[in-house]
C-alpha cells in the first residue's frame, strides 16, 4: 500500500510539469492507482469504499450509519477536481451514466462505483477526455483483465 501511495504522490507532483497530453495520461494513471488503493483499503478496513464521479472530478466515499459521506480519514482519497480542459464520462456494464458537473447538485452523495471488502465490483469504464486532444484515456475494470488504463485515438 505504501508503494501505491508513493506512486500516486509522484503522479500528482508530475502533473504540474507535464504537457497537456501527458496530463491526461497522468490523470488516468492516478485514478487507476487510487482505485487499486481504495480496493485494498476496503479489504483492510473490512468496509465498503465507493467512488462518486462528476464530469469535472471525483471523490471517494465511505458508508457511515447507512449514509455515504466524503472520505476524510485518508488524504490520498481527498476530492479531486480535473484540469479545466478535461472531462470524465462513465459506463457501467456498457451503459452510459449521466454525471453531474460537480458535487452539490444532489442533497446526498451518490456513488456510482462501490468497492467491497471481498474485492468484487461492477464492470465499469471511466473515460478521461481533453478538449484539445485527439485521444481518450479509459480506466476500466473488467472481469477478464481487472483494472486497466488504455489510450484510444479519436477519429475526427
Foldseek 3Di string as FASTA:
>chain_A
DVVLVVVLVVLVVCLVVDDDVVNLVSVLVNVLSVVVVQLVVQQVVQFKKFKADAQFWIAIWGQDPNATDTDDPDPSRGTDGHDPQKTKWKDFPNHTDHHHHDPDPDPGGDGPWMRHNVRDITWMWMWIDGNPAQKIWIFTADPVPGTDIDIDGHDD
